[in-house]
Amino acid sequence: MPDDPAASAPTPAADAPQSVALHGAIMRILDEDQAVDVISIPLAGKSTIADHMVIASGRSTRQVASLAGKIAEKLKQDFGKLVRVEGLAVADWVLLDADDVIVHLFRPEVRTFYNLERMWAFDETPAKAPAAAAPGA
């Protein structure tokens, strides 16, 4: 049936090349502009919010704001993608939502406080609980 909407719906595999290209462009900008402690967390198959989450730090609010602006402008220019940006006015923590890729940019102190890496870790081995203190110690 040619008019079946389910038949023409995009599949996740069809979006994969754009997701990879967006992720690559973001990682290049962060590298070129000397973002600190850049990590990428693959979310494909683990969450429906995005295929990748990128977390990085800037050394100051000015650098965080600059990184956010460059990412938003480059993705608009190269991919025609309007990136949603939150937190730019204060620039302690800026969130960029490019649909397939979510980017969190932090000042180092704020990043340490929220510790998103730990929250989004999909480690198969559970963290060990601290050893109990010996009685009478």
C-alpha atoms as a PDB file:
ATOM      1  CA  MET A   1       0.000   0.000   0.000  1.00  0.00           C
ATOM      2  CA  PRO A   2       1.893   3.116  -1.197  1.00  0.00           C
ATOM      3  CA  ASP A   3       0.066   5.650   1.006  1.00  0.00           C
ATOM      4  CA  ASP A   4       0.868   3.791   4.223  1.00  0.00           C
ATOM      5  CA  PRO A   5       2.525   6.348   6.589  1.00  0.00           C
ATOM      6  CA  ALA A   6       4.406   3.592   8.424  1.00  0.00           C
ATOM      7  CA  ALA A   7       6.107   2.573   5.185  1.00  0.00           C
ATOM      8  CA  SER A   8       7.555   6.058   4.656  1.00  0.00           C
ATOM      9  CA  ALA A   9       8.538   6.735   8.274  1.00  0.00           C
ATOM     10  CA  PRO A  10      12.279   7.247   8.712  1.00  0.00           C
ATOM     11  CA  THR A  11      14.099   4.426  10.405  1.00  0.00           C
ATOM     12  CA  PRO A  12      16.874   4.943  12.961  1.00  0.00           C
ATOM     13  CA  ALA A  13      19.347   3.458  10.469  1.00  0.00           C
ATOM     14  CA  ALA A  14      18.388   6.135   7.929  1.00  0.00           C
ATOM     15  CA  ASP A  15      19.297   8.869  10.430  1.00  0.00           C
ATOM     16  CA  ALA A  16      22.616   7.248  11.392  1.00  0.00           C
ATOM     17  CA  PRO A  17      24.819   9.015   8.783  1.00  0.00           C
ATOM     18  CA  GLN A  18      23.564  12.459   9.844  1.00  0.00           C
ATOM     19  CA  SER A  19      23.984  11.573  13.515  1.00  0.00           C
ATOM     20  CA  VAL A  20      27.581  10.495  12.894  1.00  0.00           C
ATOM     21  CA  ALA A  21      28.295  13.643  10.855  1.00  0.00           C
ATOM     22  CA  LEU A  22      26.790  15.929  13.534  1.00  0.00           C
ATOM     23  CA  HIS A  23      28.757  14.169  16.251  1.00  0.00           C
ATOM     24  CA  GLY A  24      31.986  14.446  14.245  1.00  0.00           C
ATOM     25  CA  ALA A  25      31.471  18.156  13.577  1.00  0.00           C
ATOM     26  CA  ILE A  26      30.818  18.850  17.259  1.00  0.00           C
ATOM     27  CA  MET A  27      33.875  16.879  18.355  1.00  0.00           C
ATOM     28  CA  ARG A  28      36.074  18.777  15.839  1.00  0.00           C
ATOM     29  CA  ILE A  29      34.856  22.171  17.087  1.00  0.00           C
ATOM     30  CA  LEU A  30      35.507  21.209  20.695  1.00  0.00           C
ATOM     31  CA  ASP A  31      39.001  19.999  19.794  1.00  0.00           C
ATOM     32  CA  GLU A  32      39.861  23.064  17.676  1.00  0.00           C
ATOM     33  CA  ASP A  33      38.632  25.469  20.345  1.00  0.00           C
ATOM     34  CA  GLN A  34      40.485  23.678  23.140  1.00  0.00           C
ATOM     35  CA  ALA A  35      37.581  22.407  25.208  1.00  0.00           C
ATOM     36  CA  VAL A  36      38.744  20.494  28.275  1.00  0.00           C
ATOM     37  CA  ASP A  37      37.960  16.889  29.276  1.00  0.00           C
ATOM     38  CA  VAL A  38      35.740  16.108  26.299  1.00  0.00           C
ATOM     39  CA  ILE A  39      33.862  12.831  26.550  1.00  0.00           C
ATOM     40  CA  SER A  40      31.264  11.274  24.318  1.00  0.00           C
ATOM     41  CA  ILE A  41      28.674   8.858  25.636  1.00  0.00           C
ATOM     42  CA  PRO A  42      26.953   6.670  23.035  1.00  0.00           C
ATOM     43  CA  LEU A  43      23.213   6.577  23.717  1.00  0.00           C
ATOM     44  CA  ALA A  44      21.964   4.738  20.625  1.00  0.00           C
ATOM     45  CA  GLY A  45      19.992   1.711  21.738  1.00  0.00           C
ATOM     46  CA  LYS A  46      20.143   2.834  25.383  1.00  0.00           C
ATOM     47  CA  SER A  47      18.004   5.974  25.319  1.00  0.00           C
ATOM     48  CA  THR A  48      15.606   7.573  22.880  1.00  0.00           C
ATOM     49  CA  ILE A  49      16.647  11.166  23.613  1.00  0.00           C
ATOM     50  CA  ALA A  50      19.672  11.134  21.282  1.00  0.00           C
ATOM     51  CA  ASP A  51      22.325   8.945  19.693  1.00  0.00           C
ATOM     52  CA  HIS A  52      25.241  10.706  21.418  1.00  0.00           C
ATOM     53  CA  MET A  53      25.782  12.853  24.480  1.00  0.00           C
ATOM     54  CA  VAL A  54      28.900  14.990  24.542  1.00  0.00           C
ATOM     55  CA  ILE A  55      30.153  16.536  27.775  1.00  0.00           C
ATOM     56  CA  ALA A  56      32.967  19.086  27.824  1.00  0.00           C
ATOM     57  CA  SER A  57      34.336  21.908  29.938  1.00  0.00           C
ATOM     58  CA  GLY A  58      35.532  25.397  29.164  1.00  0.00           C
ATOM     59  CA  ARG A  59      38.021  27.211  31.337  1.00  0.00           C
ATOM     60  CA  SER A  60      35.702  30.195  31.871  1.00  0.00           C
ATOM     61  CA  THR A  61      32.145  31.325  31.232  1.00  0.00           C
ATOM     62  CA  ARG A  62      33.455  33.217  28.208  1.00  0.00           C
ATOM     63  CA  GLN A  63      34.932  30.051  26.682  1.00  0.00           C
ATOM     64  CA  VAL A  64      31.784  28.029  27.462  1.00  0.00           C
ATOM     65  CA  ALA A  65      29.622  30.664  25.734  1.00  0.00           C
ATOM     66  CA  SER A  66      32.007  30.855  22.779  1.00  0.00           C
ATOM     67  CA  LEU A  67      32.016  27.071  22.322  1.00  0.00           C
ATOM     68  CA  ALA A  68      28.209  26.983  22.436  1.00  0.00           C
ATOM     69  CA  GLY A  69      27.904  29.777  19.903  1.00  0.00           C
ATOM     70  CA  LYS A  70      30.375  28.182  17.502  1.00  0.00           C
ATOM     71  CA  ILE A  71      28.678  24.790  17.683  1.00  0.00           C
ATOM     72  CA  ALA A  72      25.223  26.287  17.083  1.00  0.00           C
ATOM     73  CA  GLU A  73      26.460  28.417  14.165  1.00  0.00           C
ATOM     74  CA  LYS A  74      28.457  25.613  12.514  1.00  0.00           C
ATOM     75  CA  LEU A  75      25.562  23.133  12.691  1.00  0.00           C
ATOM     76  CA  LYS A  76      23.198  25.733  11.241  1.00  0.00           C
ATOM     77  CA  GLN A  77      25.662  26.572   8.464  1.00  0.00           C
ATOM     78  CA  ASP A  78      26.742  23.028   7.540  1.00  0.00           C
ATOM     79  CA  PHE A  79      23.607  20.998   8.304  1.00  0.00           C
ATOM     80  CA  GLY A  80      20.777  23.538   8.253  1.00  0.00           C
ATOM     81  CA  LYS A  81      20.039  22.487  11.825  1.00  0.00           C
ATOM     82  CA  LEU A  82      18.621  24.971  14.309  1.00  0.00           C
ATOM     83  CA  VAL A  83      20.152  23.956  17.613  1.00  0.00           C
ATOM     84  CA  ARG A  84      18.192  24.655  20.782  1.00  0.00           C
ATOM     85  CA  VAL A  85      20.426  26.337  23.375  1.00  0.00           C
ATOM     86  CA  GLU A  86      19.731  26.711  27.100  1.00  0.00           C
ATOM     87  CA  GLY A  87      21.845  28.445  29.749  1.00  0.00           C
ATOM     88  CA  LEU A  88      23.845  30.722  27.447  1.00  0.00           C
ATOM     89  CA  ALA A  89      23.130  33.898  29.443  1.00  0.00           C
ATOM     90  CA  VAL A  90      24.954  32.603  32.536  1.00  0.00           C
ATOM     91  CA  ALA A  91      27.236  30.101  30.729  1.00  0.00           C
ATOM     92  CA  ASP A  92      27.997  27.971  33.793  1.00  0.00           C
ATOM     93  CA  TRP A  93      26.215  25.043  32.129  1.00  0.00           C
ATOM     94  CA  VAL A  94      25.037  25.330  28.535  1.00  0.00           C
ATOM     95  CA  LEU A  95      22.888  22.647  26.947  1.00  0.00           C
ATOM     96  CA  LEU A  96      22.747  22.317  23.165  1.00  0.00           C
ATOM     97  CA  ASP A  97      20.112  20.036  21.680  1.00  0.00           C
ATOM     98  CA  ALA A  98      20.847  19.096  18.061  1.00  0.00           C
ATOM     99  CA  ASP A  99      18.277  16.262  18.102  1.00  0.00           C
ATOM    100  CA  ASP A 100      20.676  13.363  17.453  1.00  0.00           C
ATOM    101  CA  VAL A 101      23.431  14.829  19.634  1.00  0.00           C
ATOM    102  CA  ILE A 102      23.051  16.490  23.037  1.00  0.00           C
ATOM    103  CA  VAL A 103      25.964  18.666  24.191  1.00  0.00           C
ATOM    104  CA  HIS A 104      26.613  19.773  27.777  1.00  0.00           C
ATOM    105  CA  LEU A 105      29.237  22.496  28.210  1.00  0.00           C
ATOM    106  CA  PHE A 106      30.333  23.331  31.750  1.00  0.00           C
ATOM    107  CA  ARG A 107      32.679  25.411  33.787  1.00  0.00           C
ATOM    108  CA  PRO A 108      34.844  22.816  35.617  1.00  0.00           C
ATOM    109  CA  GLU A 109      33.389  23.448  39.106  1.00  0.00           C
ATOM    110  CA  VAL A 110      29.812  23.087  37.855  1.00  0.00           C
ATOM    111  CA  ARG A 111      30.673  19.926  35.925  1.00  0.00           C
ATOM    112  CA  THR A 112      32.174  18.362  39.052  1.00  0.00           C
ATOM    113  CA  PHE A 113      29.074  19.236  41.072  1.00  0.00           C
ATOM    114  CA  TYR A 114      26.552  17.681  38.641  1.00  0.00           C
ATOM    115  CA  ASN A 115      28.767  14.757  37.539  1.00  0.00           C
ATOM    116  CA  LEU A 116      26.680  13.831  34.487  1.00  0.00           C
ATOM    117  CA  GLU A 117      29.261  11.268  33.380  1.00  0.00           C
ATOM    118  CA  ARG A 118      28.427   9.101  36.367  1.00  0.00           C
ATOM    119  CA  MET A 119      24.691   9.543  35.918  1.00  0.00           C
ATOM    120  CA  TRP A 120      24.808   8.481  32.253  1.00  0.00           C
ATOM    121  CA  ALA A 121      27.418   5.718  32.591  1.00  0.00           C
ATOM    122  CA  PHE A 122      26.119   2.472  31.140  1.00  0.00           C
ATOM    123  CA  ASP A 123      28.704   0.304  32.811  1.00  0.00           C
ATOM    124  CA  GLU A 124      27.807  -3.380  32.874  1.00  0.00           C
ATOM    125  CA  THR A 125      29.572  -3.946  36.195  1.00  0.00           C
ATOM    126  CA  PRO A 126      27.906  -2.336  39.193  1.00  0.00           C
ATOM    127  CA  ALA A 127      30.000  -0.048  41.341  1.00  0.00           C
ATOM    128  CA  LYS A 128      31.334  -1.766  44.435  1.00  0.00           C
ATOM    129  CA  ALA A 129      29.923  -0.656  47.737  1.00  0.00           C
ATOM    130  CA  PRO A 130      32.456   0.678  50.241  1.00  0.00           C
ATOM    131  CA  ALA A 131      33.746  -1.954  52.635  1.00  0.00           C
ATOM    132  CA  ALA A 132      32.019  -2.009  55.995  1.00  0.00           C
ATOM    133  CA  ALA A 133      34.086  -0.892  58.925  1.00  0.00           C
ATOM    134  CA  ALA A 134      35.260  -3.691  61.207  1.00  0.00           C
ATOM    135  CA  PRO A 135      33.403  -3.898  64.514  1.00  0.00           C
ATOM    136  CA  GLY A 136      35.165  -1.994  67.236  1.00  0.00           C
ATOM    137  CA  ALA A 137      37.289  -0.003  64.783  1.00  0.00           C
END
